[in-house]
Amino acid sequence: LRMLWLLGFSQNGESLKKARQRARQAASRLAELAVEHDQVLLVGHGLMNYLIARELKASGWTGPPRPGRNYWESAVYTMPSG
């Protein structure tokens, strides 16, 4: 099912395009909150964590290439200074 979804079949759910848009919005909001509070915590799930991490890295954040893939695994991303 995941492979079909990645190929664009999303009749009864969110499309990959919409998921990427949501990830962009989430990364933007995380950046706003990080500026305001210095640190933020995101608890998420699987592919959405990966998409958000990708957006953060594209915006200059540093961190691992992809967030953890195992249950309860974590990753730390640092926003660019300045």
PDB file of N, CA and C in Angstrom:
ATOM      1  N   LEU A   1       0.811  -1.196   0.000  1.00  0.00           N
ATOM      2  CA  LEU A   1       0.000   0.000   0.000  1.00  0.00           C
ATOM      3  C   LEU A   1       0.852   1.258   0.000  1.00  0.00           C
ATOM      4  N   ARG A   2       1.935   1.236   0.745  1.00  0.00           N
ATOM      5  CA  ARG A   2       2.814   2.403   0.778  1.00  0.00           C
ATOM      6  C   ARG A   2       3.364   2.693  -0.610  1.00  0.00           C
ATOM      7  N   MET A   3       3.750   1.641  -1.336  1.00  0.00           N
ATOM      8  CA  MET A   3       4.305   1.832  -2.673  1.00  0.00           C
ATOM      9  C   MET A   3       3.252   2.442  -3.613  1.00  0.00           C
ATOM     10  N   LEU A   4       2.030   1.964  -3.538  1.00  0.00           N
ATOM     11  CA  LEU A   4       0.957   2.538  -4.353  1.00  0.00           C
ATOM     12  C   LEU A   4       0.744   4.009  -3.999  1.00  0.00           C
ATOM     13  N   TRP A   5       0.787   4.325  -2.707  1.00  0.00           N
ATOM     14  CA  TRP A   5       0.612   5.707  -2.265  1.00  0.00           C
ATOM     15  C   TRP A   5       1.725   6.586  -2.825  1.00  0.00           C
ATOM     16  N   LEU A   6       2.966   6.090  -2.774  1.00  0.00           N
ATOM     17  CA  LEU A   6       4.093   6.852  -3.304  1.00  0.00           C
ATOM     18  C   LEU A   6       3.981   7.054  -4.818  1.00  0.00           C
ATOM     19  N   LEU A   7       3.284   6.140  -5.471  1.00  0.00           N
ATOM     20  CA  LEU A   7       3.069   6.256  -6.916  1.00  0.00           C
ATOM     21  C   LEU A   7       1.873   7.143  -7.256  1.00  0.00           C
ATOM     22  N   GLY A   8       1.181   7.653  -6.229  1.00  0.00           N
ATOM     23  CA  GLY A   8       0.113   8.605  -6.481  1.00  0.00           C
ATOM     24  C   GLY A   8      -1.293   8.105  -6.243  1.00  0.00           C
ATOM     25  N   PHE A   9      -1.461   6.876  -5.805  1.00  0.00           N
ATOM     26  CA  PHE A   9      -2.796   6.359  -5.530  1.00  0.00           C
ATOM     27  C   PHE A   9      -3.189   6.703  -4.098  1.00  0.00           C
ATOM     28  N   SER A  10      -4.134   7.630  -3.955  1.00  0.00           N
ATOM     29  CA  SER A  10      -4.539   8.066  -2.614  1.00  0.00           C
ATOM     30  C   SER A  10      -6.016   8.401  -2.581  1.00  0.00           C
ATOM     31  N   GLN A  11      -6.812   7.578  -3.194  1.00  0.00           N
ATOM     32  CA  GLN A  11      -8.228   7.853  -3.353  1.00  0.00           C
ATOM     33  C   GLN A  11      -8.938   8.166  -2.040  1.00  0.00           C
ATOM     34  N   ASN A  12      -8.650   7.435  -0.990  1.00  0.00           N
ATOM     35  CA  ASN A  12      -9.359   7.612   0.280  1.00  0.00           C
ATOM     36  C   ASN A  12      -8.502   8.249   1.363  1.00  0.00           C
ATOM     37  N   GLY A  13      -7.435   8.915   0.973  1.00  0.00           N
ATOM     38  CA  GLY A  13      -6.560   9.494   1.988  1.00  0.00           C
ATOM     39  C   GLY A  13      -5.779  10.674   1.442  1.00  0.00           C
ATOM     40  N   GLU A  14      -4.852  11.120   2.238  1.00  0.00           N
ATOM     41  CA  GLU A  14      -4.022  12.267   1.885  1.00  0.00           C
ATOM     42  C   GLU A  14      -3.023  11.876   0.795  1.00  0.00           C
ATOM     43  N   SER A  15      -2.881  12.706  -0.220  1.00  0.00           N
ATOM     44  CA  SER A  15      -1.914  12.446  -1.282  1.00  0.00           C
ATOM     45  C   SER A  15      -0.509  12.780  -0.794  1.00  0.00           C
ATOM     46  N   LEU A  16       0.481  12.258  -1.489  1.00  0.00           N
ATOM     47  CA  LEU A  16       1.870  12.565  -1.156  1.00  0.00           C
ATOM     48  C   LEU A  16       2.119  14.064  -1.298  1.00  0.00           C
ATOM     49  N   LYS A  17       1.531  14.678  -2.304  1.00  0.00           N
ATOM     50  CA  LYS A  17       1.680  16.125  -2.500  1.00  0.00           C
ATOM     51  C   LYS A  17       1.146  16.890  -1.288  1.00  0.00           C
ATOM     52  N   LYS A  18      -0.020  16.499  -0.800  1.00  0.00           N
ATOM     53  CA  LYS A  18      -0.603  17.161   0.380  1.00  0.00           C
ATOM     54  C   LYS A  18       0.245  16.890   1.622  1.00  0.00           C
ATOM     55  N   ALA A  19       0.774  15.681   1.748  1.00  0.00           N
ATOM     56  CA  ALA A  19       1.629  15.359   2.894  1.00  0.00           C
ATOM     57  C   ALA A  19       2.882  16.226   2.883  1.00  0.00           C
ATOM     58  N   ARG A  20       3.456  16.430   1.694  1.00  0.00           N
ATOM     59  CA  ARG A  20       4.634  17.292   1.598  1.00  0.00           C
ATOM     60  C   ARG A  20       4.298  18.738   1.957  1.00  0.00           C
ATOM     61  N   GLN A  21       3.131  19.208   1.545  1.00  0.00           N
ATOM     62  CA  GLN A  21       2.698  20.563   1.905  1.00  0.00           C
ATOM     63  C   GLN A  21       2.538  20.681   3.417  1.00  0.00           C
ATOM     64  N   ARG A  22       1.937  19.672   4.020  1.00  0.00           N
ATOM     65  CA  ARG A  22       1.749  19.678   5.472  1.00  0.00           C
ATOM     66  C   ARG A  22       3.090  19.652   6.198  1.00  0.00           C
ATOM     67  N   ALA A  23       4.056  18.901   5.656  1.00  0.00           N
ATOM     68  CA  ALA A  23       5.395  18.849   6.240  1.00  0.00           C
ATOM     69  C   ALA A  23       6.072  20.212   6.148  1.00  0.00           C
ATOM     70  N   ARG A  24       5.902  20.911   5.019  1.00  0.00           N
ATOM     71  CA  ARG A  24       6.466  22.258   4.869  1.00  0.00           C
ATOM     72  C   ARG A  24       5.884  23.207   5.908  1.00  0.00           C
ATOM     73  N   GLN A  25       4.566  23.119   6.093  1.00  0.00           N
ATOM     74  CA  GLN A  25       3.904  23.964   7.092  1.00  0.00           C
ATOM     75  C   GLN A  25       4.402  23.629   8.496  1.00  0.00           C
ATOM     76  N   ALA A  26       4.542  22.344   8.788  1.00  0.00           N
ATOM     77  CA  ALA A  26       5.006  21.923  10.117  1.00  0.00           C
ATOM     78  C   ALA A  26       6.439  22.402  10.361  1.00  0.00           C
ATOM     79  N   ALA A  27       7.310  22.273   9.366  1.00  0.00           N
ATOM     80  CA  ALA A  27       8.695  22.716   9.519  1.00  0.00           C
ATOM     81  C   ALA A  27       8.747  24.224   9.739  1.00  0.00           C
ATOM     82  N   SER A  28       7.923  24.946   9.030  1.00  0.00           N
ATOM     83  CA  SER A  28       7.869  26.400   9.196  1.00  0.00           C
ATOM     84  C   SER A  28       7.406  26.761  10.606  1.00  0.00           C
ATOM     85  N   ARG A  29       6.383  26.080  11.083  1.00  0.00           N
ATOM     86  CA  ARG A  29       5.871  26.347  12.434  1.00  0.00           C
ATOM     87  C   ARG A  29       6.903  25.966  13.490  1.00  0.00           C
ATOM     88  N   LEU A  30       7.596  24.852  13.300  1.00  0.00           N
ATOM     89  CA  LEU A  30       8.653  24.458  14.241  1.00  0.00           C
ATOM     90  C   LEU A  30       9.747  25.522  14.292  1.00  0.00           C
ATOM     91  N   ALA A  31      10.103  26.068  13.136  1.00  0.00           N
ATOM     92  CA  ALA A  31      11.128  27.113  13.097  1.00  0.00           C
ATOM     93  C   ALA A  31      10.663  28.346  13.862  1.00  0.00           C
ATOM     94  N   GLU A  32       9.412  28.738  13.678  1.00  0.00           N
ATOM     95  CA  GLU A  32       8.858  29.883  14.424  1.00  0.00           C
ATOM     96  C   GLU A  32       8.922  29.636  15.921  1.00  0.00           C
ATOM     97  N   LEU A  33       8.497  28.456  16.341  1.00  0.00           N
ATOM     98  CA  LEU A  33       8.492  28.124  17.765  1.00  0.00           C
ATOM     99  C   LEU A  33       9.908  28.045  18.331  1.00  0.00           C
ATOM    100  N   ALA A  34      10.854  27.542  17.535  1.00  0.00           N
ATOM    101  CA  ALA A  34      12.242  27.445  17.995  1.00  0.00           C
ATOM    102  C   ALA A  34      12.836  28.825  18.212  1.00  0.00           C
ATOM    103  N   VAL A  35      12.501  29.761  17.344  1.00  0.00           N
ATOM    104  CA  VAL A  35      12.986  31.134  17.523  1.00  0.00           C
ATOM    105  C   VAL A  35      12.408  31.728  18.801  1.00  0.00           C
ATOM    106  N   GLU A  36      11.142  31.467  19.030  1.00  0.00           N
ATOM    107  CA  GLU A  36      10.459  32.022  20.200  1.00  0.00           C
ATOM    108  C   GLU A  36      10.887  31.366  21.507  1.00  0.00           C
ATOM    109  N   HIS A  37      11.102  30.047  21.504  1.00  0.00           N
ATOM    110  CA  HIS A  37      11.329  29.302  22.750  1.00  0.00           C
ATOM    111  C   HIS A  37      12.701  28.647  22.846  1.00  0.00           C
ATOM    112  N   ASP A  38      13.569  28.828  21.889  1.00  0.00           N
ATOM    113  CA  ASP A  38      14.902  28.217  21.822  1.00  0.00           C
ATOM    114  C   ASP A  38      14.882  26.724  21.504  1.00  0.00           C
ATOM    115  N   GLN A  39      13.983  25.971  22.085  1.00  0.00           N
ATOM    116  CA  GLN A  39      13.914  24.532  21.839  1.00  0.00           C
ATOM    117  C   GLN A  39      12.464  24.119  21.654  1.00  0.00           C
ATOM    118  N   VAL A  40      12.263  23.153  20.776  1.00  0.00           N
ATOM    119  CA  VAL A  40      10.925  22.580  20.588  1.00  0.00           C
ATOM    120  C   VAL A  40      11.056  21.074  20.488  1.00  0.00           C
ATOM    121  N   LEU A  41       9.980  20.394  20.764  1.00  0.00           N
ATOM    122  CA  LEU A  41       9.937  18.944  20.660  1.00  0.00           C
ATOM    123  C   LEU A  41       8.800  18.574  19.731  1.00  0.00           C
ATOM    124  N   LEU A  42       9.098  17.730  18.777  1.00  0.00           N
ATOM    125  CA  LEU A  42       8.077  17.204  17.877  1.00  0.00           C
ATOM    126  C   LEU A  42       7.995  15.709  18.095  1.00  0.00           C
ATOM    127  N   VAL A  43       6.822  15.225  18.377  1.00  0.00           N
ATOM    128  CA  VAL A  43       6.586  13.796  18.465  1.00  0.00           C
ATOM    129  C   VAL A  43       5.710  13.454  17.275  1.00  0.00           C
ATOM    130  N   GLY A  44       6.231  12.629  16.411  1.00  0.00           N
ATOM    131  CA  GLY A  44       5.505  12.329  15.188  1.00  0.00           C
ATOM    132  C   GLY A  44       5.601  10.858  14.833  1.00  0.00           C
ATOM    133  N   HIS A  45       5.363  10.594  13.558  1.00  0.00           N
ATOM    134  CA  HIS A  45       5.285   9.216  13.107  1.00  0.00           C
ATOM    135  C   HIS A  45       5.907   9.067  11.729  1.00  0.00           C
ATOM    136  N   GLY A  46       6.753   8.094  11.592  1.00  0.00           N
ATOM    137  CA  GLY A  46       7.278   7.591  10.337  1.00  0.00           C
ATOM    138  C   GLY A  46       7.571   8.568   9.217  1.00  0.00           C
ATOM    139  N   LEU A  47       6.821   8.431   8.153  1.00  0.00           N
ATOM    140  CA  LEU A  47       7.083   9.198   6.946  1.00  0.00           C
ATOM    141  C   LEU A  47       6.944  10.695   7.175  1.00  0.00           C
ATOM    142  N   MET A  48       6.008  11.114   7.993  1.00  0.00           N
ATOM    143  CA  MET A  48       5.855  12.549   8.250  1.00  0.00           C
ATOM    144  C   MET A  48       7.093  13.099   8.946  1.00  0.00           C
ATOM    145  N   ASN A  49       7.678  12.353   9.874  1.00  0.00           N
ATOM    146  CA  ASN A  49       8.935  12.780  10.502  1.00  0.00           C
ATOM    147  C   ASN A  49      10.010  12.961   9.447  1.00  0.00           C
ATOM    148  N   TYR A  50      10.096  12.021   8.513  1.00  0.00           N
ATOM    149  CA  TYR A  50      11.092  12.103   7.452  1.00  0.00           C
ATOM    150  C   TYR A  50      10.857  13.340   6.586  1.00  0.00           C
ATOM    151  N   LEU A  51       9.614  13.595   6.202  1.00  0.00           N
ATOM    152  CA  LEU A  51       9.306  14.744   5.350  1.00  0.00           C
ATOM    153  C   LEU A  51       9.604  16.066   6.061  1.00  0.00           C
ATOM    154  N   ILE A  52       9.277  16.139   7.348  1.00  0.00           N
ATOM    155  CA  ILE A  52       9.570  17.365   8.114  1.00  0.00           C
ATOM    156  C   ILE A  52      11.080  17.553   8.236  1.00  0.00           C
ATOM    157  N   ALA A  53      11.803  16.482   8.544  1.00  0.00           N
ATOM    158  CA  ALA A  53      13.268  16.567   8.652  1.00  0.00           C
ATOM    159  C   ALA A  53      13.865  17.045   7.338  1.00  0.00           C
ATOM    160  N   ARG A  54      13.347  16.552   6.246  1.00  0.00           N
ATOM    161  CA  ARG A  54      13.832  16.973   4.930  1.00  0.00           C
ATOM    162  C   ARG A  54      13.622  18.470   4.703  1.00  0.00           C
ATOM    163  N   GLU A  55      12.469  18.970   5.115  1.00  0.00           N
ATOM    164  CA  GLU A  55      12.182  20.399   4.984  1.00  0.00           C
ATOM    165  C   GLU A  55      13.101  21.228   5.881  1.00  0.00           C
ATOM    166  N   LEU A  56      13.322  20.768   7.100  1.00  0.00           N
ATOM    167  CA  LEU A  56      14.212  21.484   8.010  1.00  0.00           C
ATOM    168  C   LEU A  56      15.622  21.547   7.433  1.00  0.00           C
ATOM    169  N   LYS A  57      16.120  20.428   6.934  1.00  0.00           N
ATOM    170  CA  LYS A  57      17.469  20.386   6.360  1.00  0.00           C
ATOM    171  C   LYS A  57      17.563  21.295   5.141  1.00  0.00           C
ATOM    172  N   ALA A  58      16.513  21.352   4.338  1.00  0.00           N
ATOM    173  CA  ALA A  58      16.507  22.230   3.161  1.00  0.00           C
ATOM    174  C   ALA A  58      16.541  23.698   3.576  1.00  0.00           C
ATOM    175  N   SER A  59      16.080  23.981   4.793  1.00  0.00           N
ATOM    176  CA  SER A  59      16.080  25.353   5.310  1.00  0.00           C
ATOM    177  C   SER A  59      17.359  25.700   6.060  1.00  0.00           C
ATOM    178  N   GLY A  60      18.327  24.788   6.031  1.00  0.00           N
ATOM    179  CA  GLY A  60      19.609  25.080   6.659  1.00  0.00           C
ATOM    180  C   GLY A  60      19.822  24.463   8.027  1.00  0.00           C
ATOM    181  N   TRP A  61      18.844  23.745   8.539  1.00  0.00           N
ATOM    182  CA  TRP A  61      19.010  23.095   9.833  1.00  0.00           C
ATOM    183  C   TRP A  61      20.030  21.972   9.685  1.00  0.00           C
ATOM    184  N   THR A  62      20.713  21.655  10.778  1.00  0.00           N
ATOM    185  CA  THR A  62      21.658  20.540  10.763  1.00  0.00           C
ATOM    186  C   THR A  62      21.087  19.392  11.578  1.00  0.00           C
ATOM    187  N   GLY A  63      21.466  18.193  11.203  1.00  0.00           N
ATOM    188  CA  GLY A  63      21.005  17.003  11.889  1.00  0.00           C
ATOM    189  C   GLY A  63      21.227  15.791  11.011  1.00  0.00           C
ATOM    190  N   PRO A  64      20.810  14.648  11.479  1.00  0.00           N
ATOM    191  CA  PRO A  64      21.014  13.424  10.699  1.00  0.00           C
ATOM    192  C   PRO A  64      20.235  13.492   9.374  1.00  0.00           C
ATOM    193  N   PRO A  65      20.679  12.744   8.378  1.00  0.00           N
ATOM    194  CA  PRO A  65      20.001  12.770   7.086  1.00  0.00           C
ATOM    195  C   PRO A  65      18.530  12.368   7.172  1.00  0.00           C
ATOM    196  N   ARG A  66      18.221  11.476   8.072  1.00  0.00           N
ATOM    197  CA  ARG A  66      16.831  11.070   8.282  1.00  0.00           C
ATOM    198  C   ARG A  66      16.611  10.771   9.759  1.00  0.00           C
ATOM    199  N   PRO A  67      15.406  11.034  10.241  1.00  0.00           N
ATOM    200  CA  PRO A  67      15.131  10.747  11.657  1.00  0.00           C
ATOM    201  C   PRO A  67      15.138   9.239  11.903  1.00  0.00           C
ATOM    202  N   GLY A  68      15.135   8.857  13.168  1.00  0.00           N
ATOM    203  CA  GLY A  68      15.156   7.445  13.510  1.00  0.00           C
ATOM    204  C   GLY A  68      14.037   6.657  12.861  1.00  0.00           C
ATOM    205  N   ARG A  69      14.310   5.409  12.559  1.00  0.00           N
ATOM    206  CA  ARG A  69      13.314   4.559  11.903  1.00  0.00           C
ATOM    207  C   ARG A  69      12.709   3.527  12.857  1.00  0.00           C
ATOM    208  N   ASN A  70      13.259   3.392  14.033  1.00  0.00           N
ATOM    209  CA  ASN A  70      12.772   2.394  14.985  1.00  0.00           C
ATOM    210  C   ASN A  70      11.837   3.035  15.998  1.00  0.00           C
ATOM    211  N   TYR A  71      11.054   2.204  16.666  1.00  0.00           N
ATOM    212  CA  TYR A  71      10.153   2.701  17.694  1.00  0.00           C
ATOM    213  C   TYR A  71      10.924   3.466  18.755  1.00  0.00           C
ATOM    214  N   TRP A  72      10.405   4.582  19.150  1.00  0.00           N
ATOM    215  CA  TRP A  72      10.928   5.430  20.216  1.00  0.00           C
ATOM    216  C   TRP A  72      12.307   5.997  19.911  1.00  0.00           C
ATOM    217  N   GLU A  73      12.723   5.960  18.679  1.00  0.00           N
ATOM    218  CA  GLU A  73      14.012   6.534  18.297  1.00  0.00           C
ATOM    219  C   GLU A  73      13.841   8.043  18.132  1.00  0.00           C
ATOM    220  N   SER A  74      14.904   8.774  18.347  1.00  0.00           N
ATOM    221  CA  SER A  74      14.816  10.241  18.251  1.00  0.00           C
ATOM    222  C   SER A  74      15.936  10.787  17.374  1.00  0.00           C
ATOM    223  N   ALA A  75      15.786  12.039  17.004  1.00  0.00           N
ATOM    224  CA  ALA A  75      16.801  12.748  16.248  1.00  0.00           C
ATOM    225  C   ALA A  75      16.776  14.198  16.689  1.00  0.00           C
ATOM    226  N   VAL A  76      17.936  14.853  16.663  1.00  0.00           N
ATOM    227  CA  VAL A  76      18.040  16.249  17.059  1.00  0.00           C
ATOM    228  C   VAL A  76      18.443  17.073  15.835  1.00  0.00           C
ATOM    229  N   TYR A  77      17.687  18.126  15.575  1.00  0.00           N
ATOM    230  CA  TYR A  77      17.993  19.047  14.498  1.00  0.00           C
ATOM    231  C   TYR A  77      18.222  20.416  15.109  1.00  0.00           C
ATOM    232  N   THR A  78      19.229  21.128  14.609  1.00  0.00           N
ATOM    233  CA  THR A  78      19.594  22.428  15.139  1.00  0.00           C
ATOM    234  C   THR A  78      19.373  23.480  14.073  1.00  0.00           C
ATOM    235  N   MET A  79      18.671  24.548  14.481  1.00  0.00           N
ATOM    236  CA  MET A  79      18.390  25.596  13.509  1.00  0.00           C
ATOM    237  C   MET A  79      19.637  26.410  13.232  1.00  0.00           C
ATOM    238  N   PRO A  80      19.697  27.004  12.049  1.00  0.00           N
ATOM    239  CA  PRO A  80      20.877  27.800  11.710  1.00  0.00           C
ATOM    240  C   PRO A  80      20.991  28.999  12.637  1.00  0.00           C
ATOM    241  N   SER A  81      22.189  29.370  12.983  1.00  0.00           N
ATOM    242  CA  SER A  81      22.367  30.538  13.858  1.00  0.00           C
ATOM    243  C   SER A  81      22.356  31.812  13.015  1.00  0.00           C
ATOM    244  N   GLY A  82      21.933  32.878  13.670  1.00  0.00           N
ATOM    245  CA  GLY A  82      21.960  34.164  12.984  1.00  0.00           C
ATOM    246  C   GLY A  82      20.669  34.680  12.585  1.00  0.00           C
TER     247      GLY A  82
END
